Amino acid sequence: MTFALETAANPENLRRVAIDPVSRVEGHGKVTILLDDKNKVHQVRLHIVEFRGFEKFIQGRPYWEVPVMVQRLCGICPVSHHLAASKALDAIVGARHLTPTAEKMRRLMHYGQILQSHALHFFHLCSPDLLFGFDSDIAKRNIIGVAEKHPETAKRGVLLRKFGQEVIRHTAGKRIHGTGAVPGGVNKSLSIAERDELLKDVYQMVAWSRDAVHLVKQMHHQTPELYNSFGAFRANFMSMVGFDGGLDLYHGQLRARDESGNILFDGVDYQDYTQWIEEEVKNWSYMKFPYIRSLGNEKGWYRVGPLSRIQNCDFISTPLAEIERRDFIAYSGAMPMHAPLGYHWARMIEMLHAAEMIKDLLHDDDIMGKELMASGERGYEGVGVIEAPRGTLIHHYRVDENDLVTMCNLIVSTTHNNQAMNEAVRKVAQQYLHGHEVTEGLLNHIEVAVRAFDPCLSCATHALGKMPLQVEVLNEAGEQLSQLTRSSAGVVSTAV
């Protein structure tokens, strides 16, 4: 997958600065920046340098294997792929309506995923930047530094994620790469003991989630000049909303708005997503470039994820999260919030909503029911859409009469955010790089913009903010003028 802007004019006359790799994100990527002799930014590209190939190598496999296979796309959000694939393949087995137990177990699994992923991203990957400053000491700008300076915050982050993982374990069979959802339903329900174990801690999780919202909200109010302008750009946005217009991260219909918040389309059955969304392919990228058909590829790109969802829905069904949503909307005023750092605030509101939803579902006796599967008239094509932690996730499959997959199309959240991430990186480069000497702290500003989107660049583990990085400044002849290197141990050195 690759993110990029258009090629700059006369790139041979420009200097190239490369950030390789971007740290504290899931996967491996790099940023390249082209500068002229006055350090004016001409081009910024965010490159994702790994090829996945899932859309091809699952072809020819029996459809019932797919929900387990595709979750190997990701070690952080496997539940999202697991559920999106299962929803798509419900149509193959004719399960147009799941049993109450099956749907509520899937929802419980999904909200456990939202909770653990949002906690991981905010507390482990992004809080060091927000708590210590973007150009603070690199030796302390990581989760270990947070644990030393803000031990209660770090503890809550760890335990919130742990709770979400326990919800997944009880619903999917294990914390990572479970098998709970199958085409047509689920393969287990909760026991009374499992429900009671989760109920012991859920109220604490709700309280801590609300505190996390207040923490980010306070940051916005204390430093509005940073949070409202850092990498800000105007864009269309899209998400799934419930059939009543409320926030629904598991099921609903597609809605899109323009940069001013005006509706572009609404009430769209996601089975018909190809009528509304086009995918552009470029020969230099493994990632597709989605855009809204009616606007064309130049103006039709959009962003997805928490910042879009919180502003796209009409309300949130859980009371505490709805209070926080209203505060968020009031803070933004008449226009939608477009600053990337707003993702963190919206993400914590969603984490609170997930905790409240888990609490409500644990009090619903249907999650302990025995009717697990539904079926109906056999089908040969299905689309499953879910709001993954990072944004709208689309799985589309066709199968033949032998039950083998013949076509797969996946549009993951980070693909939807392709152009938007580039815009954020370009804005930050223009705001902070112009006329300044390249330093590690300056480069981290660019990485902060990438992290705000919580991108899933590929399936990979995370270092504690100490991934190796090398930046080179070249002249127009391609000769190296200077170099900045950060080792895997976090040691920064320069060379001329």
Protein backbone atom coordinates (compact mmCIF):
# COMPACT_ATOMS: atom_id res chain seq x y z
CA MET A 1 0.00 0.00 0.00
CA THR A 2 1.25 3.52 -0.80
CA PHE A 3 0.02 7.01 -0.10
CA ALA A 4 1.16 9.82 -2.43
CA LEU A 5 0.50 13.21 -3.94
CA GLU A 6 1.09 14.20 -7.55
CA THR A 7 4.66 14.36 -8.80
CA ALA A 8 6.31 17.76 -8.38
CA ALA A 9 7.48 19.70 -11.40
CA ASN A 10 11.19 19.30 -12.25
CA PRO A 11 11.94 16.99 -9.30
CA GLU A 12 15.54 16.68 -10.49
CA ASN A 13 16.14 20.26 -9.30
CA LEU A 14 14.86 19.57 -5.79
CA ARG A 15 16.36 18.08 -2.64
CA ARG A 16 14.79 14.97 -1.15
CA VAL A 17 14.38 14.35 2.59
CA ALA A 18 13.32 10.81 3.54
CA ILE A 19 11.85 9.61 6.85
CA ASP A 20 12.29 5.86 6.72
CA PRO A 21 10.52 4.26 8.54
CA VAL A 22 7.72 6.17 10.23
CA SER A 23 7.61 5.02 13.87
CA ARG A 24 4.87 4.18 16.36
CA VAL A 25 2.39 3.12 13.69
CA GLU A 26 1.29 -0.33 12.66
CA GLY A 27 3.53 -1.47 9.81
CA HIS A 28 6.35 0.00 7.80
CA GLY A 29 6.20 3.22 5.80
CA LYS A 30 8.32 6.19 4.87
CA VAL A 31 7.83 9.86 4.04
CA THR A 32 9.71 11.65 1.26
CA ILE A 33 9.79 15.44 1.00
CA LEU A 34 11.10 17.44 -1.97
CA LEU A 35 12.52 20.89 -1.16
CA ASP A 36 14.00 23.65 -3.28
CA ASP A 37 17.11 25.64 -2.36
CA LYS A 38 14.98 27.90 -0.14
CA ASN A 39 13.52 24.92 1.73
CA LYS A 40 10.08 25.44 0.19
CA VAL A 41 8.11 22.20 0.21
CA HIS A 42 7.18 21.07 -3.32
CA GLN A 43 6.01 17.51 -2.72
CA VAL A 44 5.30 15.15 0.13
CA ARG A 45 4.63 11.44 -0.26
CA LEU A 46 3.77 8.86 2.35
CA HIS A 47 4.90 5.50 0.97
CA ILE A 48 3.77 2.11 2.23
CA VAL A 49 6.37 -0.31 1.05
CA GLU A 50 4.86 -3.77 1.57
CA PHE A 51 2.72 -5.88 -0.74
CA ARG A 52 0.00 -8.00 0.86
CA GLY A 53 -1.88 -9.85 -1.89
CA PHE A 54 -4.84 -11.11 0.16
CA GLU A 55 -7.32 -10.29 -2.60
CA LYS A 56 -5.57 -12.78 -4.85
CA PHE A 57 -4.38 -15.65 -2.73
CA ILE A 58 -7.76 -16.35 -1.09
CA GLN A 59 -9.24 -16.99 -4.54
CA GLY A 60 -9.89 -20.68 -4.93
CA ARG A 61 -10.35 -21.23 -1.19
CA PRO A 62 -13.68 -22.45 0.29
CA TYR A 63 -15.69 -19.46 1.43
CA TRP A 64 -16.02 -20.72 5.01
CA GLU A 65 -12.24 -20.43 5.45
CA VAL A 66 -12.24 -16.73 4.58
CA PRO A 67 -13.28 -15.15 7.94
CA VAL A 68 -10.33 -16.88 9.61
CA MET A 69 -7.86 -16.22 6.79
CA VAL A 70 -8.44 -12.51 6.21
CA GLN A 71 -8.00 -11.53 9.84
CA ARG A 72 -4.31 -12.34 9.33
CA LEU A 73 -4.22 -8.99 7.56
CA CYS A 74 -3.79 -7.45 10.98
CA GLY A 75 -2.58 -8.38 14.45
CA ILE A 76 -4.17 -5.29 16.04
CA CYS A 77 -7.66 -5.35 14.50
CA PRO A 78 -8.22 -8.95 13.31
CA VAL A 79 -11.77 -8.86 14.69
CA SER A 80 -12.71 -6.15 12.19
CA HIS A 81 -11.69 -8.26 9.18
CA HIS A 82 -13.18 -11.35 10.79
CA LEU A 83 -16.57 -9.67 11.19
CA ALA A 84 -16.59 -7.83 7.84
CA ALA A 85 -15.89 -11.11 6.02
CA SER A 86 -18.51 -12.97 8.05
CA LYS A 87 -21.09 -10.28 7.27
CA ALA A 88 -20.31 -10.51 3.56
CA LEU A 89 -20.58 -14.30 3.59
CA ASP A 90 -23.87 -14.26 5.49
CA ALA A 91 -25.39 -13.53 2.08
CA ILE A 92 -23.79 -16.66 0.63
CA VAL A 93 -25.54 -18.90 3.17
CA GLY A 94 -28.75 -16.87 2.91
CA ALA A 95 -28.61 -15.48 6.44
CA ARG A 96 -30.32 -12.19 5.72
CA HIS A 97 -31.25 -11.81 9.39
CA LEU A 98 -29.11 -13.27 12.17
CA THR A 99 -30.52 -14.66 15.38
CA PRO A 100 -30.56 -12.17 18.30
CA THR A 101 -27.81 -14.14 20.04
CA ALA A 102 -25.59 -14.17 16.96
CA GLU A 103 -25.94 -10.45 16.24
CA LYS A 104 -25.42 -9.40 19.85
CA MET A 105 -22.41 -11.68 20.27
CA ARG A 106 -20.86 -10.19 17.14
CA ARG A 107 -21.58 -6.69 18.43
CA LEU A 108 -20.03 -7.52 21.80
CA MET A 109 -16.95 -8.86 20.02
CA HIS A 110 -16.77 -5.75 17.84
CA TYR A 111 -17.06 -3.26 20.69
CA GLY A 112 -14.38 -5.17 22.58
CA GLN A 113 -12.22 -4.65 19.50
CA ILE A 114 -12.99 -0.92 19.35
CA LEU A 115 -12.15 -0.53 23.04
CA GLN A 116 -8.82 -2.38 22.95
CA SER A 117 -7.64 -0.82 19.68
CA HIS A 118 -8.49 2.76 20.67
CA ALA A 119 -6.81 2.27 24.05
CA LEU A 120 -3.70 0.87 22.42
CA HIS A 121 -3.45 3.65 19.89
CA PHE A 122 -4.04 6.55 22.24
CA PHE A 123 -2.19 5.49 25.37
CA HIS A 124 0.68 3.48 23.87
CA LEU A 125 1.36 5.16 20.52
CA CYS A 126 0.13 8.76 20.70
CA SER A 127 0.00 9.91 24.31
CA PRO A 128 3.81 10.36 24.48
CA ASP A 129 3.58 13.10 21.84
CA LEU A 130 0.59 14.77 23.46
CA LEU A 131 1.85 14.59 27.06
CA PHE A 132 5.53 15.46 26.50
CA GLY A 133 5.51 17.55 23.31
CA PHE A 134 6.27 16.68 19.71
CA ASP A 135 9.95 17.63 19.97
CA SER A 136 10.56 16.43 23.53
CA ASP A 137 13.41 14.13 24.55
CA ILE A 138 13.16 11.03 22.37
CA ALA A 139 14.42 8.84 25.22
CA LYS A 140 11.28 9.68 27.21
CA ARG A 141 8.79 10.09 24.35
CA ASN A 142 7.37 6.56 24.52
CA ILE A 143 5.06 4.44 26.67
CA ILE A 144 7.86 3.73 29.16
CA GLY A 145 8.28 7.47 29.63
CA VAL A 146 4.52 7.80 30.14
CA ALA A 147 4.62 5.04 32.76
CA GLU A 148 7.37 6.87 34.64
CA LYS A 149 5.89 10.39 34.47
CA HIS A 150 2.15 9.57 34.37
CA PRO A 151 1.85 6.11 35.97
CA GLU A 152 -1.92 6.23 36.51
CA THR A 153 -2.56 7.19 32.87
CA ALA A 154 -0.30 4.39 31.62
CA LYS A 155 -1.92 1.88 33.98
CA ARG A 156 -5.39 2.77 32.78
CA GLY A 157 -4.30 2.44 29.16
CA VAL A 158 -2.94 -1.04 29.77
CA LEU A 159 -6.00 -2.21 31.70
CA LEU A 160 -8.49 -0.73 29.24
CA ARG A 161 -6.81 -2.61 26.43
CA LYS A 162 -6.65 -5.77 28.52
CA PHE A 163 -10.38 -5.60 29.21
CA GLY A 164 -11.17 -5.21 25.52
CA GLN A 165 -9.01 -8.23 24.76
CA GLU A 166 -10.85 -10.24 27.41
CA VAL A 167 -14.16 -9.36 25.74
CA ILE A 168 -12.71 -10.64 22.47
CA ARG A 169 -11.41 -13.80 24.13
CA HIS A 170 -14.82 -14.67 25.53
CA THR A 171 -16.65 -13.97 22.27
CA ALA A 172 -14.13 -15.10 19.63
CA GLY A 173 -12.38 -17.91 21.48
CA LYS A 174 -9.03 -16.16 21.90
CA ARG A 175 -7.65 -12.64 22.02
CA ILE A 176 -6.05 -12.62 18.55
CA HIS A 177 -7.26 -14.45 15.43
CA GLY A 178 -10.29 -16.08 17.02
CA THR A 179 -13.03 -18.05 15.26
CA GLY A 180 -16.21 -16.82 16.94
CA ALA A 181 -18.01 -15.49 13.86
CA VAL A 182 -18.92 -17.83 11.00
CA PRO A 183 -21.04 -17.29 7.87
CA GLY A 184 -24.60 -17.28 9.16
CA GLY A 185 -23.89 -16.52 12.81
CA VAL A 186 -21.50 -17.43 15.60
CA ASN A 187 -20.11 -20.65 17.03
CA LYS A 188 -20.55 -19.81 20.72
CA SER A 189 -22.47 -17.69 23.19
CA LEU A 190 -21.41 -16.47 26.62
CA SER A 191 -21.71 -18.58 29.73
CA ILE A 192 -23.02 -17.05 32.93
CA ALA A 193 -19.50 -17.25 34.40
CA GLU A 194 -17.99 -15.43 31.42
CA ARG A 195 -20.59 -12.69 31.59
CA ASP A 196 -20.13 -12.22 35.33
CA GLU A 197 -16.35 -12.05 34.95
CA LEU A 198 -16.67 -9.18 32.48
CA LEU A 199 -19.35 -7.41 34.51
CA LYS A 200 -16.96 -7.11 37.47
CA ASP A 201 -14.79 -4.58 35.65
CA VAL A 202 -17.04 -2.96 33.04
CA TYR A 203 -18.18 -0.04 35.20
CA GLN A 204 -14.57 0.88 35.93
CA MET A 205 -13.85 0.76 32.19
CA VAL A 206 -16.71 3.18 31.53
CA ALA A 207 -15.37 5.61 34.15
CA TRP A 208 -11.80 5.43 32.86
CA SER A 209 -12.97 5.90 29.28
CA ARG A 210 -14.84 9.04 30.25
CA ASP A 211 -11.73 10.33 32.02
CA ALA A 212 -9.75 9.72 28.82
CA VAL A 213 -12.23 11.86 26.87
CA HIS A 214 -11.81 14.64 29.42
CA LEU A 215 -8.02 14.39 29.19
CA VAL A 216 -8.01 14.98 25.43
CA LYS A 217 -10.72 17.61 25.67
CA GLN A 218 -8.60 19.50 28.19
CA MET A 219 -5.64 19.43 25.80
CA HIS A 220 -7.76 21.03 23.08
CA HIS A 221 -9.03 23.77 25.37
CA GLN A 222 -5.60 24.51 26.85
CA THR A 223 -3.74 24.74 23.51
CA PRO A 224 -6.32 25.51 20.81
CA GLU A 225 -3.74 27.22 18.59
CA LEU A 226 -1.99 23.85 18.20
CA TYR A 227 -4.87 21.40 18.17
CA ASN A 228 -7.03 23.44 15.78
CA SER A 229 -4.32 24.20 13.22
CA PHE A 230 -1.77 21.38 13.22
CA GLY A 231 -1.93 19.80 9.76
CA ALA A 232 -5.50 21.06 9.27
CA PHE A 233 -7.12 20.75 5.85
CA ARG A 234 -10.69 20.63 4.59
CA ALA A 235 -12.07 17.39 3.16
CA ASN A 236 -15.18 15.34 2.44
CA PHE A 237 -15.91 12.61 4.96
CA MET A 238 -17.80 9.31 4.94
CA SER A 239 -18.92 6.63 7.38
CA MET A 240 -21.64 4.13 8.08
CA VAL A 241 -24.49 5.35 10.28
CA GLY A 242 -27.38 3.43 11.80
CA PHE A 243 -30.71 3.25 10.02
CA ASP A 244 -31.93 5.86 12.50
CA GLY A 245 -28.96 8.14 11.79
CA GLY A 246 -27.19 7.32 15.04
CA LEU A 247 -23.64 6.12 15.50
CA ASP A 248 -23.54 2.39 14.71
CA LEU A 249 -20.15 0.77 14.30
CA TYR A 250 -21.49 -2.69 13.40
CA HIS A 251 -24.31 -2.24 10.86
CA GLY A 252 -26.17 0.45 8.94
CA GLN A 253 -26.01 2.46 5.73
CA LEU A 254 -23.45 4.74 4.11
CA ARG A 255 -23.53 8.52 4.46
CA ALA A 256 -21.08 11.12 3.10
CA ARG A 257 -20.75 14.86 3.64
CA ASP A 258 -18.74 17.59 1.97
CA GLU A 259 -16.18 19.73 3.76
CA SER A 260 -18.91 22.07 5.04
CA GLY A 261 -21.01 19.24 6.43
CA ASN A 262 -23.60 19.16 3.66
CA ILE A 263 -24.93 15.71 2.71
CA LEU A 264 -23.44 14.23 -0.47
CA PHE A 265 -25.30 10.94 -0.23
CA ASP A 266 -27.28 9.20 2.48
CA GLY A 267 -29.21 6.01 3.10
CA VAL A 268 -26.95 4.04 0.73
CA ASP A 269 -27.16 0.26 0.97
CA TYR A 270 -23.52 -0.80 1.23
CA GLN A 271 -24.24 -3.75 -1.02
CA ASP A 272 -24.27 -1.08 -3.77
CA TYR A 273 -21.05 0.65 -2.71
CA THR A 274 -19.55 0.37 -6.23
CA GLN A 275 -22.25 2.72 -7.53
CA TRP A 276 -21.00 5.45 -5.18
CA ILE A 277 -17.30 4.80 -4.70
CA GLU A 278 -14.74 4.41 -7.47
CA GLU A 279 -11.20 3.08 -6.99
CA GLU A 280 -8.31 4.54 -8.94
CA VAL A 281 -5.14 2.51 -9.51
CA LYS A 282 -1.71 4.06 -10.06
CA ASN A 283 1.31 2.21 -11.38
CA TRP A 284 3.64 3.33 -8.57
CA SER A 285 1.45 2.19 -5.68
CA TYR A 286 0.19 -1.03 -4.13
CA MET A 287 -2.66 0.99 -2.60
CA LYS A 288 -5.86 1.96 -4.36
CA PHE A 289 -7.19 5.52 -4.40
CA PRO A 290 -10.94 5.61 -3.60
CA TYR A 291 -13.11 8.62 -4.40
CA ILE A 292 -16.80 9.54 -4.59
CA ARG A 293 -17.93 8.88 -8.15
CA SER A 294 -20.13 11.96 -8.48
CA LEU A 295 -17.24 14.30 -7.59
CA GLY A 296 -14.48 12.64 -9.64
CA ASN A 297 -10.98 11.68 -8.53
CA GLU A 298 -9.70 15.25 -8.11
CA LYS A 299 -12.38 16.46 -5.68
CA GLY A 300 -13.99 13.23 -4.55
CA TRP A 301 -11.42 11.91 -2.08
CA TYR A 302 -12.52 11.78 1.54
CA ARG A 303 -11.52 10.66 5.00
CA VAL A 304 -12.98 8.07 7.35
CA GLY A 305 -12.55 7.04 11.00
CA PRO A 306 -13.52 8.53 14.37
CA LEU A 307 -13.27 12.19 13.29
CA SER A 308 -15.70 11.48 10.44
CA ARG A 309 -18.04 9.18 12.36
CA ILE A 310 -18.58 11.48 15.35
CA GLN A 311 -19.48 14.37 13.03
CA ASN A 312 -21.43 12.32 10.49
CA CYS A 313 -23.95 10.71 12.86
CA ASP A 314 -26.99 12.49 14.28
CA PHE A 315 -26.58 11.15 17.81
CA ILE A 316 -24.97 8.45 19.95
CA SER A 317 -27.30 6.01 21.66
CA THR A 318 -25.29 5.66 24.90
CA PRO A 319 -25.85 8.62 27.25
CA LEU A 320 -22.32 9.48 28.40
CA ALA A 321 -20.85 9.34 24.92
CA GLU A 322 -23.71 11.46 23.59
CA ILE A 323 -22.91 14.18 26.16
CA GLU A 324 -19.30 14.16 24.99
CA ARG A 325 -20.32 14.19 21.30
CA ARG A 326 -22.38 17.32 21.88
CA ASP A 327 -19.42 19.01 23.58
CA PHE A 328 -17.23 18.05 20.62
CA ILE A 329 -19.69 19.49 18.10
CA ALA A 330 -20.12 22.67 20.16
CA TYR A 331 -16.34 23.12 20.31
CA SER A 332 -16.10 22.92 16.53
CA GLY A 333 -18.83 25.50 16.01
CA ALA A 334 -20.82 25.82 12.79
CA MET A 335 -18.27 24.01 10.63
CA PRO A 336 -16.95 20.44 10.97
CA MET A 337 -13.60 19.99 12.69
CA HIS A 338 -10.89 19.26 10.12
CA ALA A 339 -7.73 19.26 12.27
CA PRO A 340 -6.11 15.78 12.38
CA LEU A 341 -5.45 16.02 16.13
CA GLY A 342 -9.22 16.05 16.55
CA TYR A 343 -9.08 12.34 15.75
CA HIS A 344 -7.81 11.69 19.29
CA TRP A 345 -10.76 13.43 20.93
CA ALA A 346 -13.26 11.65 18.67
CA ARG A 347 -11.45 8.34 19.22
CA MET A 348 -11.83 8.61 22.98
CA ILE A 349 -15.55 9.41 22.63
CA GLU A 350 -15.89 6.20 20.64
CA MET A 351 -13.96 4.28 23.29
CA LEU A 352 -16.43 5.55 25.88
CA HIS A 353 -19.32 4.51 23.63
CA ALA A 354 -17.78 1.04 23.23
CA ALA A 355 -17.47 0.64 27.00
CA GLU A 356 -21.09 1.67 27.48
CA MET A 357 -22.25 -0.69 24.74
CA ILE A 358 -20.33 -3.58 26.30
CA LYS A 359 -22.00 -2.81 29.64
CA ASP A 360 -25.46 -2.81 28.07
CA LEU A 361 -24.86 -6.01 26.08
CA LEU A 362 -23.59 -7.83 29.17
CA HIS A 363 -26.96 -7.15 30.78
CA ASP A 364 -28.82 -8.64 27.79
CA ASP A 365 -29.73 -12.31 28.26
CA ASP A 366 -29.62 -12.89 24.49
CA ILE A 367 -25.81 -13.14 24.66
CA MET A 368 -26.29 -16.40 26.55
CA GLY A 369 -28.83 -17.80 24.10
CA LYS A 370 -28.59 -21.09 22.22
CA GLU A 371 -29.85 -20.09 18.75
CA LEU A 372 -26.53 -19.34 17.06
CA MET A 373 -27.07 -19.84 13.31
CA ALA A 374 -29.41 -18.62 10.58
CA SER A 375 -29.72 -19.70 6.95
CA GLY A 376 -31.81 -19.18 3.84
CA GLU A 377 -31.59 -19.18 0.08
CA ARG A 378 -28.05 -19.77 -1.18
CA GLY A 379 -26.28 -16.77 -2.73
CA TYR A 380 -23.14 -16.21 -4.76
CA GLU A 381 -22.10 -12.67 -3.88
CA GLY A 382 -21.98 -10.62 -0.71
CA VAL A 383 -20.66 -7.34 0.69
CA GLY A 384 -19.86 -6.82 4.36
CA VAL A 385 -19.15 -3.39 5.82
CA ILE A 386 -18.15 -2.58 9.35
CA GLU A 387 -16.76 0.51 11.06
CA ALA A 388 -13.34 -0.74 12.13
CA PRO A 389 -11.37 1.29 14.70
CA ARG A 390 -9.61 3.15 11.88
CA GLY A 391 -12.68 3.68 9.70
CA THR A 392 -15.01 2.11 7.15
CA LEU A 393 -13.96 -1.41 6.13
CA ILE A 394 -15.43 -3.08 3.02
CA HIS A 395 -15.21 -6.79 2.19
CA HIS A 396 -16.72 -7.97 -1.13
CA TYR A 397 -16.74 -11.61 -2.30
CA ARG A 398 -18.08 -13.79 -5.08
CA VAL A 399 -18.16 -17.58 -4.91
CA ASP A 400 -18.98 -20.28 -7.46
CA GLU A 401 -21.23 -23.34 -7.34
CA ASN A 402 -18.38 -25.32 -5.75
CA ASP A 403 -18.24 -22.88 -2.79
CA LEU A 404 -14.85 -21.52 -3.90
CA VAL A 405 -14.02 -17.81 -3.81
CA THR A 406 -13.72 -16.37 -7.31
CA MET A 407 -13.37 -12.66 -6.49
CA CYS A 408 -12.36 -10.60 -3.49
CA ASN A 409 -12.21 -6.83 -3.17
CA LEU A 410 -11.11 -5.20 0.08
CA ILE A 411 -11.15 -1.48 0.82
CA VAL A 412 -9.55 -1.04 4.23
CA SER A 413 -9.83 2.05 6.37
CA THR A 414 -6.34 3.31 5.63
CA THR A 415 -7.03 3.06 1.89
CA HIS A 416 -10.01 5.39 2.30
CA ASN A 417 -7.70 7.79 4.17
CA ASN A 418 -4.99 7.60 1.50
CA GLN A 419 -5.16 11.12 0.11
CA ALA A 420 -6.23 12.64 3.42
CA MET A 421 -3.09 11.39 5.13
CA ASN A 422 -0.99 12.91 2.38
CA GLU A 423 -2.73 16.24 2.81
CA ALA A 424 -2.01 16.21 6.55
CA VAL A 425 1.65 15.35 6.04
CA ARG A 426 2.02 18.06 3.39
CA LYS A 427 0.40 20.69 5.62
CA VAL A 428 2.67 19.85 8.57
CA ALA A 429 5.76 19.87 6.35
CA GLN A 430 4.80 23.32 5.09
CA GLN A 431 4.04 24.58 8.59
CA TYR A 432 7.15 23.33 10.36
CA LEU A 433 9.84 22.32 7.88
CA HIS A 434 10.11 25.54 5.87
CA GLY A 435 13.40 27.33 6.55
CA HIS A 436 14.46 25.11 9.42
CA GLU A 437 17.32 22.71 9.92
CA VAL A 438 16.18 19.09 9.87
CA THR A 439 16.07 17.66 13.41
CA GLU A 440 14.60 14.55 14.98
CA GLY A 441 11.95 16.62 16.77
CA LEU A 442 10.96 18.29 13.51
CA LEU A 443 10.63 14.94 11.78
CA ASN A 444 8.45 13.72 14.64
CA HIS A 445 5.97 16.51 13.83
CA ILE A 446 5.42 14.83 10.48
CA GLU A 447 5.04 11.44 12.13
CA VAL A 448 2.51 12.89 14.59
CA ALA A 449 0.32 13.81 11.61
CA VAL A 450 0.47 10.24 10.33
CA ARG A 451 -0.24 8.73 13.76
CA ALA A 452 -3.37 10.85 14.21
CA PHE A 453 -5.12 8.70 11.59
CA ASP A 454 -4.12 5.47 13.39
CA PRO A 455 -3.06 3.95 10.05
CA CYS A 456 -2.75 0.22 9.58
CA LEU A 457 0.15 0.29 7.15
CA SER A 458 0.58 -3.48 7.26
CA CYS A 459 0.70 -6.26 9.84
CA ALA A 460 3.68 -5.51 12.06
CA THR A 461 4.72 -5.02 15.66
CA HIS A 462 5.62 -1.70 17.25
CA ALA A 463 8.87 -0.54 18.79
CA LEU A 464 8.61 1.84 21.72
CA GLY A 465 9.19 4.94 19.61
CA LYS A 466 12.73 3.80 18.79
CA MET A 467 12.42 2.38 15.31
CA PRO A 468 15.54 3.14 13.20
CA LEU A 469 15.24 6.18 10.96
CA GLN A 470 17.52 7.87 8.46
CA VAL A 471 17.01 11.22 6.73
CA GLU A 472 19.21 12.34 3.86
CA VAL A 473 19.38 15.80 2.28
CA LEU A 474 20.57 15.67 -1.34
CA ASN A 475 21.45 18.39 -3.82
CA GLU A 476 20.10 18.62 -7.36
CA ALA A 477 22.83 16.27 -8.58
CA GLY A 478 21.78 13.61 -6.11
CA GLU A 479 24.85 14.15 -3.91
CA GLN A 480 24.38 13.84 -0.17
CA LEU A 481 24.73 17.12 1.72
CA SER A 482 23.87 15.91 5.22
CA GLN A 483 22.39 12.97 7.04
CA LEU A 484 20.48 12.46 10.28
CA THR A 485 20.30 8.92 11.71
CA ARG A 486 18.34 7.44 14.60
CA SER A 487 19.45 3.95 15.64
CA SER A 488 17.17 1.18 16.89
CA ALA A 489 18.36 2.13 20.38
CA GLY A 490 17.06 5.68 19.89
CA VAL A 491 20.50 7.32 19.55
CA VAL A 492 20.47 10.27 17.11
CA SER A 493 23.60 11.26 15.18
CA THR A 494 24.40 13.59 12.27
CA ALA A 495 26.90 13.40 9.44
CA VAL A 496 27.96 15.82 6.71
